[in-house]
Amino acid sequence: MKSDFYKENKDDTIWWVNDLDTKGEFLFSFDKKKIYNLFADYPYNLTKEEKEIFDKENPYWAEFFKDTSK
Protein backbone atom coordinates (compact mmCIF):
# COMPACT_ATOMS: atom_id res chain seq x y z
CA MET A 1 0.00 0.00 0.00
CA LYS A 2 1.49 3.31 -1.08
CA SER A 3 0.15 6.04 1.17
CA ASP A 4 0.51 9.78 1.42
CA PHE A 5 -0.15 11.37 4.81
CA TYR A 6 -1.51 14.89 5.20
CA LYS A 7 -3.15 17.05 7.85
CA GLU A 8 -6.32 19.05 7.36
CA ASN A 9 -4.90 21.75 9.67
CA LYS A 10 -1.25 22.18 10.55
CA ASP A 11 -1.95 21.94 14.30
CA ASP A 12 -3.98 18.72 14.05
CA THR A 13 -2.80 15.49 15.63
CA ILE A 14 -4.54 13.29 13.09
CA TRP A 15 -2.98 12.42 9.77
CA TRP A 16 -5.37 11.63 6.95
CA VAL A 17 -4.18 9.01 4.50
CA ASN A 18 -4.37 8.97 0.74
CA ASP A 19 -4.04 5.33 -0.19
CA LEU A 20 -3.07 5.45 -3.82
CA ASP A 21 -4.19 1.84 -4.35
CA THR A 22 -7.85 2.27 -3.28
CA LYS A 23 -10.68 4.76 -3.68
CA GLY A 24 -13.59 5.66 -1.44
CA GLU A 25 -11.97 4.86 1.90
CA PHE A 26 -11.49 7.42 4.65
CA LEU A 27 -8.26 6.41 6.36
CA PHE A 28 -6.51 8.19 9.21
CA SER A 29 -3.67 7.70 11.66
CA PHE A 30 -2.36 9.19 14.86
CA ASP A 31 1.24 8.06 14.35
CA LYS A 32 1.63 7.19 10.64
CA LYS A 33 2.01 3.54 11.66
CA LYS A 34 -1.42 2.25 12.63
CA ILE A 35 -4.04 3.23 10.07
CA TYR A 36 -7.73 3.31 10.90
CA ASN A 37 -10.61 3.07 8.46
CA LEU A 38 -13.21 5.66 9.45
CA PHE A 39 -16.26 3.54 8.68
CA ALA A 40 -14.88 0.26 10.01
CA ASP A 41 -13.01 1.43 13.11
CA TYR A 42 -14.72 4.56 14.47
CA PRO A 43 -15.47 4.72 17.36
CA TYR A 44 -15.05 1.20 18.67
CA ASN A 45 -11.42 0.52 17.76
CA LEU A 46 -10.11 3.86 19.01
CA THR A 47 -8.96 4.41 22.57
CA LYS A 48 -10.89 6.91 24.66
CA GLU A 49 -8.10 9.45 24.15
CA GLU A 50 -7.95 8.85 20.39
CA LYS A 51 -11.73 9.29 20.10
CA GLU A 52 -11.56 12.58 22.04
CA ILE A 53 -8.83 13.88 19.74
CA PHE A 54 -10.66 12.69 16.64
CA ASP A 55 -13.94 14.29 17.72
CA LYS A 56 -12.26 17.59 18.56
CA GLU A 57 -10.44 17.78 15.23
CA ASN A 58 -13.31 16.40 13.15
CA PRO A 59 -16.62 17.75 14.47
CA TYR A 60 -18.38 16.90 11.20
CA TRP A 61 -17.61 13.20 11.57
CA ALA A 62 -18.33 13.24 15.31
CA GLU A 63 -21.80 14.60 14.54
CA PHE A 64 -22.26 12.17 11.63
CA PHE A 65 -21.58 9.18 13.90
CA LYS A 66 -23.13 10.54 17.12
CA ASP A 67 -25.86 7.89 17.28
CA THR A 68 -23.38 5.03 16.84
CA SER A 69 -20.67 6.21 19.23
CA LYS A 70 -22.47 5.55 22.51
PDB file of N, CA and C in Angstrom:
ATOM      1  N   MET A   1       0.845  -1.184   0.000  1.00  0.00           N
ATOM      2  CA  MET A   1       0.000   0.000   0.000  1.00  0.00           C
ATOM      3  C   MET A   1       0.883   1.237   0.000  1.00  0.00           C
ATOM      4  N   LYS A   2       0.762   2.055  -1.016  1.00  0.00           N
ATOM      5  CA  LYS A   2       1.485   3.314  -1.084  1.00  0.00           C
ATOM      6  C   LYS A   2       0.563   4.393  -0.550  1.00  0.00           C
ATOM      7  N   SER A   3       0.999   5.058   0.519  1.00  0.00           N
ATOM      8  CA  SER A   3       0.149   6.043   1.171  1.00  0.00           C
ATOM      9  C   SER A   3       0.847   7.382   1.287  1.00  0.00           C
ATOM     10  N   ASP A   4       0.065   8.423   1.146  1.00  0.00           N
ATOM     11  CA  ASP A   4       0.511   9.779   1.418  1.00  0.00           C
ATOM     12  C   ASP A   4      -0.252  10.277   2.636  1.00  0.00           C
ATOM     13  N   PHE A   5       0.463  10.844   3.591  1.00  0.00           N
ATOM     14  CA  PHE A   5      -0.145  11.369   4.805  1.00  0.00           C
ATOM     15  C   PHE A   5      -0.236  12.890   4.709  1.00  0.00           C
ATOM     16  N   TYR A   6      -1.344  13.428   5.186  1.00  0.00           N
ATOM     17  CA  TYR A   6      -1.507  14.886   5.203  1.00  0.00           C
ATOM     18  C   TYR A   6      -2.392  15.274   6.373  1.00  0.00           C
ATOM     19  N   LYS A   7      -2.305  16.528   6.774  1.00  0.00           N
ATOM     20  CA  LYS A   7      -3.146  17.054   7.846  1.00  0.00           C
ATOM     21  C   LYS A   7      -4.107  18.078   7.259  1.00  0.00           C
ATOM     22  N   GLU A   8      -5.333  18.060   7.773  1.00  0.00           N
ATOM     23  CA  GLU A   8      -6.320  19.050   7.362  1.00  0.00           C
ATOM     24  C   GLU A   8      -5.896  20.438   7.835  1.00  0.00           C
ATOM     25  N   ASN A   9      -5.387  20.512   9.069  1.00  0.00           N
ATOM     26  CA  ASN A   9      -4.903  21.755   9.668  1.00  0.00           C
ATOM     27  C   ASN A   9      -3.533  21.483  10.257  1.00  0.00           C
ATOM     28  N   LYS A  10      -2.633  22.425  10.144  1.00  0.00           N
ATOM     29  CA  LYS A  10      -1.247  22.182  10.552  1.00  0.00           C
ATOM     30  C   LYS A  10      -1.109  21.813  12.019  1.00  0.00           C
ATOM     31  N   ASP A  11      -2.034  22.244  12.875  1.00  0.00           N
ATOM     32  CA  ASP A  11      -1.953  21.945  14.301  1.00  0.00           C
ATOM     33  C   ASP A  11      -2.663  20.655  14.693  1.00  0.00           C
ATOM     34  N   ASP A  12      -3.271  19.965  13.753  1.00  0.00           N
ATOM     35  CA  ASP A  12      -3.977  18.718  14.055  1.00  0.00           C
ATOM     36  C   ASP A  12      -3.011  17.617  14.482  1.00  0.00           C
ATOM     37  N   THR A  13      -3.532  16.701  15.254  1.00  0.00           N
ATOM     38  CA  THR A  13      -2.799  15.490  15.628  1.00  0.00           C
ATOM     39  C   THR A  13      -2.982  14.409  14.576  1.00  0.00           C
ATOM     40  N   ILE A  14      -4.177  14.355  14.016  1.00  0.00           N
ATOM     41  CA  ILE A  14      -4.539  13.289  13.088  1.00  0.00           C
ATOM     42  C   ILE A  14      -3.966  13.535  11.701  1.00  0.00           C
ATOM     43  N   TRP A  15      -3.422  12.454  11.155  1.00  0.00           N
ATOM     44  CA  TRP A  15      -2.979  12.425   9.772  1.00  0.00           C
ATOM     45  C   TRP A  15      -4.047  11.707   8.963  1.00  0.00           C
ATOM     46  N   TRP A  16      -4.496  12.302   7.890  1.00  0.00           N
ATOM     47  CA  TRP A  16      -5.370  11.626   6.946  1.00  0.00           C
ATOM     48  C   TRP A  16      -4.486  10.928   5.935  1.00  0.00           C
ATOM     49  N   VAL A  17      -4.992   9.864   5.360  1.00  0.00           N
ATOM     50  CA  VAL A  17      -4.181   9.012   4.499  1.00  0.00           C
ATOM     51  C   VAL A  17      -4.807   8.933   3.111  1.00  0.00           C
ATOM     52  N   ASN A  18      -3.998   9.250   2.127  1.00  0.00           N
ATOM     53  CA  ASN A  18      -4.374   8.973   0.739  1.00  0.00           C
ATOM     54  C   ASN A  18      -3.728   7.657   0.376  1.00  0.00           C
ATOM     55  N   ASP A  19      -4.539   6.628   0.253  1.00  0.00           N
ATOM     56  CA  ASP A  19      -4.044   5.328  -0.194  1.00  0.00           C
ATOM     57  C   ASP A  19      -4.177   5.318  -1.709  1.00  0.00           C
ATOM     58  N   LEU A  20      -3.063   5.336  -2.368  1.00  0.00           N
ATOM     59  CA  LEU A  20      -3.074   5.454  -3.821  1.00  0.00           C
ATOM     60  C   LEU A  20      -3.577   4.197  -4.518  1.00  0.00           C
ATOM     61  N   ASP A  21      -3.727   3.104  -3.759  1.00  0.00           N
ATOM     62  CA  ASP A  21      -4.192   1.842  -4.348  1.00  0.00           C
ATOM     63  C   ASP A  21      -5.705   1.644  -4.261  1.00  0.00           C
ATOM     64  N   THR A  22      -6.399   2.444  -3.447  1.00  0.00           N
ATOM     65  CA  THR A  22      -7.846   2.268  -3.284  1.00  0.00           C
ATOM     66  C   THR A  22      -8.559   3.612  -3.373  1.00  0.00           C
ATOM     67  N   LYS A  23      -9.850   3.552  -3.612  1.00  0.00           N
ATOM     68  CA  LYS A  23     -10.676   4.763  -3.675  1.00  0.00           C
ATOM     69  C   LYS A  23     -11.869   4.578  -2.751  1.00  0.00           C
ATOM     70  N   GLY A  24     -12.363   5.682  -2.220  1.00  0.00           N
ATOM     71  CA  GLY A  24     -13.586   5.660  -1.440  1.00  0.00           C
ATOM     72  C   GLY A  24     -13.419   5.306   0.023  1.00  0.00           C
ATOM     73  N   GLU A  25     -12.191   5.139   0.481  1.00  0.00           N
ATOM     74  CA  GLU A  25     -11.973   4.863   1.898  1.00  0.00           C
ATOM     75  C   GLU A  25     -11.504   6.132   2.592  1.00  0.00           C
ATOM     76  N   PHE A  26     -11.943   6.308   3.821  1.00  0.00           N
ATOM     77  CA  PHE A  26     -11.490   7.418   4.649  1.00  0.00           C
ATOM     78  C   PHE A  26     -10.559   6.826   5.696  1.00  0.00           C
ATOM     79  N   LEU A  27      -9.272   6.991   5.488  1.00  0.00           N
ATOM     80  CA  LEU A  27      -8.256   6.410   6.358  1.00  0.00           C
ATOM     81  C   LEU A  27      -7.559   7.516   7.136  1.00  0.00           C
ATOM     82  N   PHE A  28      -7.214   7.203   8.397  1.00  0.00           N
ATOM     83  CA  PHE A  28      -6.511   8.189   9.213  1.00  0.00           C
ATOM     84  C   PHE A  28      -5.593   7.478  10.184  1.00  0.00           C
ATOM     85  N   SER A  29      -4.654   8.249  10.735  1.00  0.00           N
ATOM     86  CA  SER A  29      -3.675   7.696  11.658  1.00  0.00           C
ATOM     87  C   SER A  29      -3.288   8.752  12.679  1.00  0.00           C
ATOM     88  N   PHE A  30      -2.879   8.286  13.841  1.00  0.00           N
ATOM     89  CA  PHE A  30      -2.358   9.189  14.864  1.00  0.00           C
ATOM     90  C   PHE A  30      -0.833   9.231  14.842  1.00  0.00           C
ATOM     91  N   ASP A  31      -0.222   8.187  14.278  1.00  0.00           N
ATOM     92  CA  ASP A  31       1.238   8.060  14.350  1.00  0.00           C
ATOM     93  C   ASP A  31       1.906   7.658  13.032  1.00  0.00           C
ATOM     94  N   LYS A  32       1.152   7.615  11.954  1.00  0.00           N
ATOM     95  CA  LYS A  32       1.628   7.195  10.636  1.00  0.00           C
ATOM     96  C   LYS A  32       2.044   5.721  10.604  1.00  0.00           C
ATOM     97  N   LYS A  33       1.708   4.968  11.635  1.00  0.00           N
ATOM     98  CA  LYS A  33       2.015   3.541  11.664  1.00  0.00           C
ATOM     99  C   LYS A  33       0.728   2.730  11.613  1.00  0.00           C
ATOM    100  N   LYS A  34      -0.127   2.938  12.597  1.00  0.00           N
ATOM    101  CA  LYS A  34      -1.420   2.251  12.630  1.00  0.00           C
ATOM    102  C   LYS A  34      -2.433   3.107  11.883  1.00  0.00           C
ATOM    103  N   ILE A  35      -3.063   2.505  10.891  1.00  0.00           N
ATOM    104  CA  ILE A  35      -4.037   3.227  10.069  1.00  0.00           C
ATOM    105  C   ILE A  35      -5.436   2.703  10.367  1.00  0.00           C
ATOM    106  N   TYR A  36      -6.332   3.632  10.635  1.00  0.00           N
ATOM    107  CA  TYR A  36      -7.731   3.312  10.903  1.00  0.00           C
ATOM    108  C   TYR A  36      -8.566   3.608   9.663  1.00  0.00           C
ATOM    109  N   ASN A  37      -9.613   2.822   9.483  1.00  0.00           N
ATOM    110  CA  ASN A  37     -10.615   3.071   8.458  1.00  0.00           C
ATOM    111  C   ASN A  37     -11.805   3.705   9.170  1.00  0.00           C
ATOM    112  N   LEU A  38     -12.166   4.905   8.759  1.00  0.00           N
ATOM    113  CA  LEU A  38     -13.208   5.658   9.451  1.00  0.00           C
ATOM    114  C   LEU A  38     -14.484   4.846   9.641  1.00  0.00           C
ATOM    115  N   PHE A  39     -14.978   4.226   8.587  1.00  0.00           N
ATOM    116  CA  PHE A  39     -16.265   3.541   8.683  1.00  0.00           C
ATOM    117  C   PHE A  39     -16.172   2.180   9.361  1.00  0.00           C
ATOM    118  N   ALA A  40     -15.029   1.564   9.365  1.00  0.00           N
ATOM    119  CA  ALA A  40     -14.879   0.256  10.008  1.00  0.00           C
ATOM    120  C   ALA A  40     -14.425   0.363  11.461  1.00  0.00           C
ATOM    121  N   ASP A  41     -13.651   1.371  11.792  1.00  0.00           N
ATOM    122  CA  ASP A  41     -13.013   1.432  13.112  1.00  0.00           C
ATOM    123  C   ASP A  41     -13.584   2.460  14.079  1.00  0.00           C
ATOM    124  N   TYR A  42     -14.206   3.513  13.583  1.00  0.00           N
ATOM    125  CA  TYR A  42     -14.715   4.557  14.469  1.00  0.00           C
ATOM    126  C   TYR A  42     -16.080   4.174  14.995  1.00  0.00           C
ATOM    127  N   PRO A  43     -16.342   4.316  16.260  1.00  0.00           N
ATOM    128  CA  PRO A  43     -15.471   4.724  17.357  1.00  0.00           C
ATOM    129  C   PRO A  43     -14.872   3.549  18.124  1.00  0.00           C
ATOM    130  N   TYR A  44     -15.301   2.345  17.799  1.00  0.00           N
ATOM    131  CA  TYR A  44     -15.053   1.197  18.671  1.00  0.00           C
ATOM    132  C   TYR A  44     -13.594   0.754  18.758  1.00  0.00           C
ATOM    133  N   ASN A  45     -12.812   0.963  17.732  1.00  0.00           N
ATOM    134  CA  ASN A  45     -11.420   0.519  17.759  1.00  0.00           C
ATOM    135  C   ASN A  45     -10.439   1.618  18.149  1.00  0.00           C
ATOM    136  N   LEU A  46     -10.954   2.765  18.532  1.00  0.00           N
ATOM    137  CA  LEU A  46     -10.113   3.859  19.015  1.00  0.00           C
ATOM    138  C   LEU A  46     -10.099   3.836  20.539  1.00  0.00           C
ATOM    139  N   THR A  47      -8.983   4.253  21.122  1.00  0.00           N
ATOM    140  CA  THR A  47      -8.957   4.405  22.574  1.00  0.00           C
ATOM    141  C   THR A  47      -9.808   5.618  22.941  1.00  0.00           C
ATOM    142  N   LYS A  48     -10.121   5.758  24.207  1.00  0.00           N
ATOM    143  CA  LYS A  48     -10.894   6.910  24.658  1.00  0.00           C
ATOM    144  C   LYS A  48     -10.185   8.212  24.273  1.00  0.00           C
ATOM    145  N   GLU A  49      -8.871   8.256  24.468  1.00  0.00           N
ATOM    146  CA  GLU A  49      -8.098   9.451  24.149  1.00  0.00           C
ATOM    147  C   GLU A  49      -8.089   9.726  22.643  1.00  0.00           C
ATOM    148  N   GLU A  50      -7.937   8.676  21.843  1.00  0.00           N
ATOM    149  CA  GLU A  50      -7.951   8.853  20.394  1.00  0.00           C
ATOM    150  C   GLU A  50      -9.309   9.374  19.929  1.00  0.00           C
ATOM    151  N   LYS A  51     -10.389   8.831  20.486  1.00  0.00           N
ATOM    152  CA  LYS A  51     -11.725   9.292  20.101  1.00  0.00           C
ATOM    153  C   LYS A  51     -11.921  10.758  20.459  1.00  0.00           C
ATOM    154  N   GLU A  52     -11.449  11.168  21.637  1.00  0.00           N
ATOM    155  CA  GLU A  52     -11.560  12.577  22.044  1.00  0.00           C
ATOM    156  C   GLU A  52     -10.814  13.487  21.072  1.00  0.00           C
ATOM    157  N   ILE A  53      -9.610  13.094  20.700  1.00  0.00           N
ATOM    158  CA  ILE A  53      -8.828  13.880  19.740  1.00  0.00           C
ATOM    159  C   ILE A  53      -9.540  13.922  18.393  1.00  0.00           C
ATOM    160  N   PHE A  54      -9.980  12.751  17.937  1.00  0.00           N
ATOM    161  CA  PHE A  54     -10.658  12.685  16.635  1.00  0.00           C
ATOM    162  C   PHE A  54     -11.884  13.587  16.632  1.00  0.00           C
ATOM    163  N   ASP A  55     -12.720  13.494  17.660  1.00  0.00           N
ATOM    164  CA  ASP A  55     -13.945  14.287  17.718  1.00  0.00           C
ATOM    165  C   ASP A  55     -13.656  15.780  17.749  1.00  0.00           C
ATOM    166  N   LYS A  56     -12.623  16.171  18.469  1.00  0.00           N
ATOM    167  CA  LYS A  56     -12.260  17.593  18.558  1.00  0.00           C
ATOM    168  C   LYS A  56     -11.796  18.117  17.200  1.00  0.00           C
ATOM    169  N   GLU A  57     -10.992  17.334  16.500  1.00  0.00           N
ATOM    170  CA  GLU A  57     -10.441  17.783  15.232  1.00  0.00           C
ATOM    171  C   GLU A  57     -11.382  17.568  14.056  1.00  0.00           C
ATOM    172  N   ASN A  58     -12.396  16.741  14.240  1.00  0.00           N
ATOM    173  CA  ASN A  58     -13.314  16.396  13.147  1.00  0.00           C
ATOM    174  C   ASN A  58     -14.764  16.460  13.611  1.00  0.00           C
ATOM    175  N   PRO A  59     -15.249  17.642  13.952  1.00  0.00           N
ATOM    176  CA  PRO A  59     -16.622  17.750  14.469  1.00  0.00           C
ATOM    177  C   PRO A  59     -17.681  17.259  13.477  1.00  0.00           C
ATOM    178  N   TYR A  60     -17.419  17.397  12.187  1.00  0.00           N
ATOM    179  CA  TYR A  60     -18.380  16.901  11.204  1.00  0.00           C
ATOM    180  C   TYR A  60     -18.594  15.397  11.374  1.00  0.00           C
ATOM    181  N   TRP A  61     -17.495  14.648  11.448  1.00  0.00           N
ATOM    182  CA  TRP A  61     -17.609  13.197  11.566  1.00  0.00           C
ATOM    183  C   TRP A  61     -18.145  12.803  12.934  1.00  0.00           C
ATOM    184  N   ALA A  62     -17.790  13.527  13.977  1.00  0.00           N
ATOM    185  CA  ALA A  62     -18.335  13.238  15.307  1.00  0.00           C
ATOM    186  C   ALA A  62     -19.860  13.365  15.292  1.00  0.00           C
ATOM    187  N   GLU A  63     -20.354  14.394  14.651  1.00  0.00           N
ATOM    188  CA  GLU A  63     -21.797  14.603  14.539  1.00  0.00           C
ATOM    189  C   GLU A  63     -22.427  13.521  13.647  1.00  0.00           C
ATOM    190  N   PHE A  64     -21.776  13.189  12.557  1.00  0.00           N
ATOM    191  CA  PHE A  64     -22.257  12.174  11.626  1.00  0.00           C
ATOM    192  C   PHE A  64     -22.470  10.834  12.335  1.00  0.00           C
ATOM    193  N   PHE A  65     -21.534  10.485  13.224  1.00  0.00           N
ATOM    194  CA  PHE A  65     -21.582   9.184  13.904  1.00  0.00           C
ATOM    195  C   PHE A  65     -22.165   9.249  15.313  1.00  0.00           C
ATOM    196  N   LYS A  66     -22.735  10.360  15.719  1.00  0.00           N
ATOM    197  CA  LYS A  66     -23.135  10.544  17.124  1.00  0.00           C
ATOM    198  C   LYS A  66     -24.061   9.450  17.637  1.00  0.00           C
ATOM    199  N   ASP A  67     -24.932   8.911  16.823  1.00  0.00           N
ATOM    200  CA  ASP A  67     -25.861   7.886  17.279  1.00  0.00           C
ATOM    201  C   ASP A  67     -25.212   6.503  17.389  1.00  0.00           C
ATOM    202  N   THR A  68     -24.044   6.328  16.785  1.00  0.00           N
ATOM    203  CA  THR A  68     -23.379   5.030  16.835  1.00  0.00           C
ATOM    204  C   THR A  68     -22.231   4.998  17.821  1.00  0.00           C
ATOM    205  N   SER A  69     -21.873   6.157  18.393  1.00  0.00           N
ATOM    206  CA  SER A  69     -20.670   6.212  19.229  1.00  0.00           C
ATOM    207  C   SER A  69     -20.972   6.149  20.722  1.00  0.00           C
ATOM    208  N   LYS A  70     -22.120   5.626  21.082  1.00  0.00           N
ATOM    209  CA  LYS A  70     -22.469   5.550  22.509  1.00  0.00           C
ATOM    210  C   LYS A  70     -21.993   4.256  23.105  1.00  0.00           C
TER     211      LYS A  70
END
